[in-house]
Amino acid sequence: MDVGVIGGSGYGGAELLRLLAGHPAFKVRVVAGGRTAGQPIGDVFPHLAATPLADERIVTADADDLRDCAVVFAATPHEVSLELLPALLGEGRTVVDLSGAFRLPAAQFDEWYGIGHTAPELTPAVYGLPELWRAELPGAELIAGPGCYPTAALLALAPLAGLVAEGPIVVSGMSGWSGAGRGLRDDLHASHAHGNVAPYGAPRHRHTPEIAQQFAALGGPAARVSFVPHLVPMTRGEVVTCTAPLRDGVTGAGLRDAVADRYGDEPFVTVLSAGTWPQSTHVVGANTAHVAVAVDERARTAIAACALDNLVKGAAGQAIQAANVATGTAETAGLPIAGLYP
């Protein structure tokens, strides 16, 4: 199955290419990028030099170049996705967008992203989190890949949908530098970021409505979500911890049973035993999420945590997983389950 990748210059695009290089059913035919157009992939990303993609040259993004691709992945800023992707729809291909362009209804996008949506009829697209919306993916033409933080938060919160009371849900996230992308910023300079932890984006981070909207769609109470992300000194990896008020009578054992029931058959979600909490290093390089829950009896709150690799399960790997389901390919095809150790 021929595949195109738009955004082959950034971290998300690089991770797509790394994973797709070993995919048994998807064959990369077109790689499009901006500042790296004209360069061989092996020069731009030396870690791909031993793959069959190494000598392929990155081209300027053009919808016409992607017409023969059955699947197109877009690891692009939302403005670029809005400009390019509508022209690729309606011809039977599957388009998976890793940006925020199609995750929210257009009015919410306008409010949280600060620009007018140019294709409101396409919003919201099918949400590409297979563990929670697998039934909607087969045959989908446009799939909105979730943000890395919403992926972790929703995997942690989903089993709690019928167990938590109305009230504020607090989501605290920590992610490595790669989550900020490949572009240069002062706060990402080594002299600033090394040994430093800093919150950012609060109280109006763009992922906030995404978490609230999807949790409500799972049957959770209308939630006021307070989300605070943190930049932590590591290259990749992410841990999100959520707290929510519990309904009367809910116990820690009941909470753990709900999580086990939800994810017992999921190949990419591991439910940790009671008293064990997710760690970012255990999932680096894998399309796997580790989830754990507990009850704080003193505060009558649920605590749910999830660790994942922000570039794999939080972006490129999950996009491939969703495309696998959408195209009838084995869901686990081309995706690593085991993390790197040490």
Protein backbone atom coordinates (compact mmCIF):
# COMPACT_ATOMS: atom_id res chain seq x y z
CA MET A 1 0.00 0.00 0.00
CA ASP A 2 1.63 3.27 -1.11
CA VAL A 3 2.06 5.91 1.58
CA GLY A 4 2.95 9.60 1.63
CA VAL A 5 4.36 11.60 4.53
CA ILE A 6 3.98 15.38 4.69
CA GLY A 7 6.15 17.12 7.24
CA GLY A 8 9.21 14.97 6.75
CA SER A 9 11.44 17.67 8.23
CA GLY A 10 10.32 17.48 11.86
CA TYR A 11 10.40 15.06 14.77
CA GLY A 12 6.94 13.66 14.05
CA GLY A 13 7.81 13.09 10.41
CA ALA A 14 11.12 11.48 11.32
CA GLU A 15 9.38 9.08 13.68
CA LEU A 16 6.82 8.20 11.03
CA LEU A 17 9.64 7.38 8.61
CA ARG A 18 11.49 5.28 11.21
CA LEU A 19 8.40 3.18 11.93
CA LEU A 20 7.18 2.97 8.35
CA ALA A 21 10.60 1.76 7.18
CA GLY A 22 9.78 -1.58 8.80
CA HIS A 23 6.05 -1.72 8.10
CA PRO A 24 5.02 -4.92 6.31
CA ALA A 25 2.07 -3.41 4.41
CA PHE A 26 2.85 0.31 3.97
CA LYS A 27 5.48 1.44 1.45
CA VAL A 28 6.65 5.06 1.63
CA ARG A 29 6.54 6.57 -1.86
CA VAL A 30 6.51 10.33 -1.21
CA VAL A 31 8.12 12.36 1.59
CA ALA A 32 7.35 16.08 1.54
CA GLY A 33 8.91 18.77 3.67
CA GLY A 34 9.66 22.46 3.87
CA ARG A 35 13.17 23.60 4.72
CA THR A 36 14.67 20.20 3.86
CA ALA A 37 13.12 19.85 0.39
CA GLY A 38 15.62 18.54 -2.13
CA GLN A 39 17.80 16.74 0.40
CA PRO A 40 18.16 12.95 0.78
CA ILE A 41 16.38 11.55 3.82
CA GLY A 42 19.58 9.88 5.03
CA ASP A 43 21.32 13.27 5.14
CA VAL A 44 18.50 14.98 7.01
CA PHE A 45 18.05 12.08 9.45
CA PRO A 46 21.28 10.05 9.75
CA HIS A 47 19.54 7.48 11.97
CA LEU A 48 17.64 6.41 8.83
CA ALA A 49 20.79 6.01 6.71
CA ALA A 50 20.60 2.21 6.75
CA THR A 51 16.94 2.08 5.70
CA PRO A 52 15.61 1.81 2.12
CA LEU A 53 14.47 5.43 2.48
CA ALA A 54 17.96 6.86 2.87
CA ASP A 55 18.50 7.94 -0.75
CA GLU A 56 14.96 9.20 -1.33
CA ARG A 57 14.78 12.97 -1.65
CA ILE A 58 12.33 15.10 0.27
CA VAL A 59 10.06 17.07 -2.06
CA THR A 60 8.03 20.23 -1.65
CA ALA A 61 4.54 19.46 -0.41
CA ASP A 62 2.07 19.32 -3.31
CA ALA A 63 -1.27 17.52 -3.32
CA ASP A 64 -0.70 16.30 -6.87
CA ASP A 65 2.40 14.37 -5.82
CA LEU A 66 0.32 12.43 -3.31
CA ARG A 67 -2.55 11.37 -5.60
CA ASP A 68 -1.25 7.82 -5.99
CA CYS A 69 -0.87 7.27 -2.23
CA ALA A 70 -3.52 5.17 -0.50
CA VAL A 71 -2.54 6.61 2.90
CA VAL A 72 -1.17 10.08 3.68
CA PHE A 73 0.25 11.12 7.04
CA ALA A 74 0.55 14.84 7.80
CA ALA A 75 2.99 15.76 10.56
CA THR A 76 2.53 19.47 9.88
CA PRO A 77 1.48 22.62 11.75
CA HIS A 78 -2.29 23.08 11.80
CA GLU A 79 -2.14 25.93 9.28
CA VAL A 80 -0.41 23.68 6.75
CA SER A 81 -2.85 20.84 7.38
CA LEU A 82 -5.78 23.19 6.79
CA GLU A 83 -4.27 24.32 3.51
CA LEU A 84 -3.23 20.95 2.06
CA LEU A 85 -5.43 18.16 3.38
CA PRO A 86 -8.93 19.06 2.10
CA ALA A 87 -7.67 18.65 -1.48
CA LEU A 88 -6.65 15.05 -0.71
CA LEU A 89 -10.08 13.91 0.48
CA GLY A 90 -12.87 12.33 -1.51
CA GLU A 91 -10.70 10.00 -3.57
CA GLY A 92 -10.79 6.93 -1.35
CA ARG A 93 -7.49 7.45 0.46
CA THR A 94 -6.98 7.61 4.20
CA VAL A 95 -5.52 10.87 5.53
CA VAL A 96 -4.18 10.95 9.09
CA ASP A 97 -3.40 14.41 10.48
CA LEU A 98 -1.14 14.74 13.50
CA SER A 99 -1.91 18.45 14.02
CA GLY A 100 -4.82 19.99 15.91
CA ALA A 101 -6.57 21.18 12.75
CA PHE A 102 -9.45 18.69 12.78
CA ARG A 103 -9.72 17.47 16.38
CA LEU A 104 -12.25 20.05 17.57
CA PRO A 105 -15.47 21.47 16.17
CA ALA A 106 -14.62 24.54 14.09
CA ALA A 107 -16.00 27.03 16.61
CA GLN A 108 -13.87 25.54 19.39
CA PHE A 109 -10.83 25.53 17.13
CA ASP A 110 -11.35 29.23 16.38
CA GLU A 111 -11.57 29.99 20.11
CA TRP A 112 -8.57 27.96 21.29
CA TYR A 113 -6.23 28.30 18.31
CA GLY A 114 -6.99 31.93 17.56
CA ILE A 115 -7.53 31.57 13.81
CA GLY A 116 -10.61 30.98 11.68
CA HIS A 117 -11.07 27.39 10.53
CA THR A 118 -11.10 27.20 6.73
CA ALA A 119 -12.79 23.79 6.43
CA PRO A 120 -15.45 23.67 9.16
CA GLU A 121 -17.42 20.99 7.31
CA LEU A 122 -14.60 18.53 8.04
CA THR A 123 -14.70 19.03 11.82
CA PRO A 124 -14.49 17.20 14.03
CA ALA A 125 -12.84 14.34 12.15
CA VAL A 126 -12.78 10.75 13.38
CA TYR A 127 -10.63 10.77 16.51
CA GLY A 128 -7.62 8.53 16.02
CA LEU A 129 -7.30 6.89 19.42
CA PRO A 130 -8.02 3.23 18.56
CA GLU A 131 -8.37 1.93 22.12
CA LEU A 132 -11.34 4.22 22.63
CA TRP A 133 -12.78 4.85 19.13
CA ARG A 134 -11.76 1.76 17.16
CA ALA A 135 -15.25 1.20 15.73
CA GLU A 136 -15.23 4.59 13.97
CA LEU A 137 -11.91 4.09 12.18
CA PRO A 138 -12.54 1.46 9.44
CA GLY A 139 -12.98 3.25 6.13
CA ALA A 140 -12.42 6.73 7.62
CA GLU A 141 -11.09 9.24 5.08
CA LEU A 142 -9.88 11.86 7.56
CA ILE A 143 -8.51 10.91 10.96
CA ALA A 144 -7.47 13.46 13.56
CA GLY A 145 -4.54 12.09 15.51
CA PRO A 146 -4.91 13.07 19.19
CA GLY A 147 -2.37 15.26 20.89
CA CYS A 148 0.17 13.42 23.04
CA TYR A 149 -1.15 14.87 26.30
CA PRO A 150 -4.82 14.09 25.49
CA THR A 151 -3.81 10.54 24.53
CA ALA A 152 -2.21 9.95 27.92
CA ALA A 153 -4.95 11.77 29.83
CA LEU A 154 -7.79 9.97 28.07
CA LEU A 155 -6.20 6.53 28.40
CA ALA A 156 -5.90 7.22 32.12
CA LEU A 157 -9.39 8.70 32.50
CA ALA A 158 -11.50 6.56 30.15
CA PRO A 159 -12.17 3.68 32.58
CA LEU A 160 -13.28 6.24 35.19
CA ALA A 161 -16.11 7.67 33.06
CA GLY A 162 -18.89 6.00 35.07
CA LEU A 163 -17.13 6.18 38.43
CA VAL A 164 -16.32 9.87 38.93
CA ALA A 165 -18.63 12.61 40.13
CA GLU A 166 -19.18 16.00 38.60
CA GLY A 167 -16.46 18.38 39.55
CA PRO A 168 -13.09 19.57 38.38
CA ILE A 169 -10.70 17.08 36.82
CA VAL A 170 -7.10 18.11 37.30
CA VAL A 171 -4.59 16.93 34.70
CA SER A 172 -0.88 17.46 35.30
CA GLY A 173 1.42 16.51 32.46
CA MET A 174 5.17 16.25 32.04
CA SER A 175 6.84 15.85 28.66
CA GLY A 176 10.33 15.85 27.17
CA TRP A 177 11.76 18.50 24.87
CA SER A 178 10.83 16.69 21.65
CA GLY A 179 7.17 17.45 22.36
CA ALA A 180 7.91 21.08 21.51
CA GLY A 181 9.03 20.19 17.99
CA ARG A 182 12.28 20.66 16.10
CA GLY A 183 12.14 24.43 15.84
CA LEU A 184 14.46 26.69 17.86
CA ARG A 185 13.21 28.45 20.98
CA ASP A 186 15.02 30.13 23.85
CA ASP A 187 13.49 27.83 26.46
CA LEU A 188 14.73 24.78 24.53
CA HIS A 189 18.39 25.85 24.48
CA ALA A 190 20.51 23.37 26.45
CA SER A 191 21.66 26.11 28.80
CA HIS A 192 18.03 26.86 29.69
CA ALA A 193 16.41 23.43 29.58
CA HIS A 194 19.03 21.19 31.14
CA GLY A 195 18.19 20.51 34.79
CA ASN A 196 15.07 22.65 34.55
CA VAL A 197 11.36 21.86 35.03
CA ALA A 198 8.77 24.47 34.09
CA PRO A 199 5.00 24.63 33.68
CA TYR A 200 3.71 26.31 30.54
CA GLY A 201 0.52 27.04 28.62
CA ALA A 202 -1.76 27.24 31.67
CA PRO A 203 -4.61 27.95 32.09
CA ARG A 204 -5.58 27.86 28.38
CA HIS A 205 -3.48 25.18 26.77
CA ARG A 206 -4.99 24.03 23.47
CA HIS A 207 -5.25 20.44 24.61
CA THR A 208 -7.70 21.35 27.40
CA PRO A 209 -10.92 21.30 25.33
CA GLU A 210 -9.73 18.16 23.54
CA ILE A 211 -9.48 16.27 26.84
CA ALA A 212 -12.82 17.60 28.12
CA GLN A 213 -14.69 16.94 24.88
CA GLN A 214 -13.49 13.38 24.43
CA PHE A 215 -13.99 12.42 28.08
CA ALA A 216 -17.59 13.64 27.86
CA ALA A 217 -18.02 11.59 24.66
CA LEU A 218 -16.96 8.51 26.63
CA GLY A 219 -19.84 9.04 29.05
CA GLY A 220 -17.99 10.97 31.70
CA PRO A 221 -19.72 13.80 33.56
CA ALA A 222 -19.61 17.26 32.05
CA ALA A 223 -16.15 18.08 33.27
CA ARG A 224 -14.29 21.22 34.08
CA VAL A 225 -10.78 20.22 33.11
CA SER A 226 -7.79 22.06 34.53
CA PHE A 227 -4.70 21.10 32.56
CA VAL A 228 -1.14 22.15 33.33
CA PRO A 229 1.71 20.73 31.20
CA HIS A 230 5.35 20.83 32.27
CA LEU A 231 8.55 20.72 30.24
CA VAL A 232 11.03 18.36 31.89
CA PRO A 233 14.71 17.74 31.09
CA MET A 234 14.59 14.66 28.87
CA THR A 235 14.47 14.15 25.12
CA ARG A 236 11.29 12.10 24.84
CA GLY A 237 8.72 10.51 27.11
CA GLU A 238 5.65 11.71 28.92
CA VAL A 239 3.76 11.10 32.17
CA VAL A 240 0.29 12.46 32.86
CA THR A 241 -1.43 12.24 36.26
CA CYS A 242 -5.15 12.95 36.61
CA THR A 243 -7.28 13.42 39.72
CA ALA A 244 -11.09 13.42 39.80
CA PRO A 245 -13.76 13.32 42.52
CA LEU A 246 -15.27 9.88 43.06
CA ARG A 247 -18.87 8.79 43.26
CA ASP A 248 -20.02 7.39 46.60
CA GLY A 249 -19.15 3.76 47.12
CA VAL A 250 -16.36 3.51 44.56
CA THR A 251 -13.35 1.64 45.93
CA GLY A 252 -9.79 1.21 44.83
CA ALA A 253 -10.49 -2.39 43.87
CA GLY A 254 -13.48 -1.28 41.80
CA LEU A 255 -11.34 1.30 40.05
CA ARG A 256 -8.64 -1.25 39.22
CA ASP A 257 -11.26 -3.70 37.94
CA ALA A 258 -12.68 -1.03 35.62
CA VAL A 259 -9.23 -0.37 34.15
CA ALA A 260 -8.49 -4.06 33.73
CA ASP A 261 -11.85 -4.62 32.03
CA ARG A 262 -11.27 -1.71 29.65
CA TYR A 263 -7.74 -2.63 28.59
CA GLY A 264 -7.45 -6.37 29.22
CA ASP A 265 -7.29 -7.23 25.52
CA GLU A 266 -5.45 -4.14 24.29
CA PRO A 267 -2.02 -4.89 22.79
CA PHE A 268 -0.65 -1.40 23.40
CA VAL A 269 -1.95 -0.65 26.91
CA THR A 270 -0.41 -2.27 29.98
CA VAL A 271 -2.25 -1.98 33.28
CA LEU A 272 0.22 -1.94 36.15
CA SER A 273 -0.36 -3.77 39.41
CA ALA A 274 -1.62 -1.95 42.50
CA GLY A 275 1.06 0.24 44.07
CA THR A 276 3.11 0.48 40.87
CA TRP A 277 3.12 3.74 38.93
CA PRO A 278 4.05 4.43 35.28
CA GLN A 279 7.56 5.59 34.43
CA SER A 280 8.56 7.30 31.22
CA THR A 281 11.70 5.25 30.64
CA HIS A 282 9.70 2.01 30.45
CA VAL A 283 7.87 3.05 27.28
CA VAL A 284 10.51 4.98 25.32
CA GLY A 285 10.60 3.81 21.69
CA ALA A 286 7.39 1.77 21.99
CA ASN A 287 3.80 2.34 20.93
CA THR A 288 2.81 1.22 24.41
CA ALA A 289 1.10 3.11 27.23
CA HIS A 290 1.40 2.12 30.90
CA VAL A 291 -1.62 2.95 33.06
CA ALA A 292 -2.21 2.77 36.83
CA VAL A 293 -4.98 3.93 39.18
CA ALA A 294 -5.58 4.33 42.90
CA VAL A 295 -8.08 5.90 45.29
CA ASP A 296 -7.13 8.63 47.73
CA GLU A 297 -9.66 7.85 50.48
CA ARG A 298 -8.91 10.99 52.47
CA ALA A 299 -9.85 13.24 49.57
CA ARG A 300 -12.29 10.77 47.92
CA THR A 301 -10.56 11.25 44.61
CA ALA A 302 -9.40 8.91 41.90
CA ILE A 303 -5.76 9.12 40.84
CA ALA A 304 -5.01 7.85 37.33
CA ALA A 305 -1.63 8.03 35.60
CA CYS A 306 -0.32 7.14 32.17
CA ALA A 307 3.17 7.05 30.67
CA LEU A 308 3.91 6.95 26.96
CA ASP A 309 6.48 8.00 24.39
CA ASN A 310 5.19 11.34 23.10
CA LEU A 311 6.62 10.70 19.61
CA VAL A 312 5.34 7.12 19.27
CA LYS A 313 2.05 6.39 21.07
CA GLY A 314 1.62 10.15 21.44
CA ALA A 315 2.05 10.89 17.73
CA ALA A 316 3.55 8.84 14.88
CA GLY A 317 2.98 5.33 16.23
CA GLN A 318 -0.62 6.04 17.10
CA ALA A 319 -1.17 7.57 13.65
CA ILE A 320 0.08 4.35 12.06
CA GLN A 321 -2.04 2.28 14.45
CA ALA A 322 -5.14 4.26 13.42
CA ALA A 323 -4.25 3.91 9.73
CA ASN A 324 -3.81 0.17 10.20
CA VAL A 325 -7.34 -0.09 11.56
CA ALA A 326 -8.78 2.26 8.94
CA THR A 327 -7.33 0.25 6.05
CA GLY A 328 -8.03 -3.23 7.41
CA THR A 329 -4.35 -3.92 8.12
CA ALA A 330 -3.39 -5.80 11.30
CA GLU A 331 -3.54 -3.18 14.04
CA THR A 332 -0.12 -4.00 15.45
CA ALA A 333 1.66 -4.05 12.07
CA GLY A 334 4.96 -2.17 12.06
CA LEU A 335 4.65 -1.01 15.66
CA PRO A 336 7.03 -1.84 18.54
CA ILE A 337 5.44 -3.06 21.77
CA ALA A 338 8.56 -3.29 23.95
CA GLY A 339 10.34 -0.16 25.14
CA LEU A 340 14.10 0.41 25.20
CA TYR A 341 16.08 -0.67 28.27
CA PRO A 342 18.17 0.65 29.79
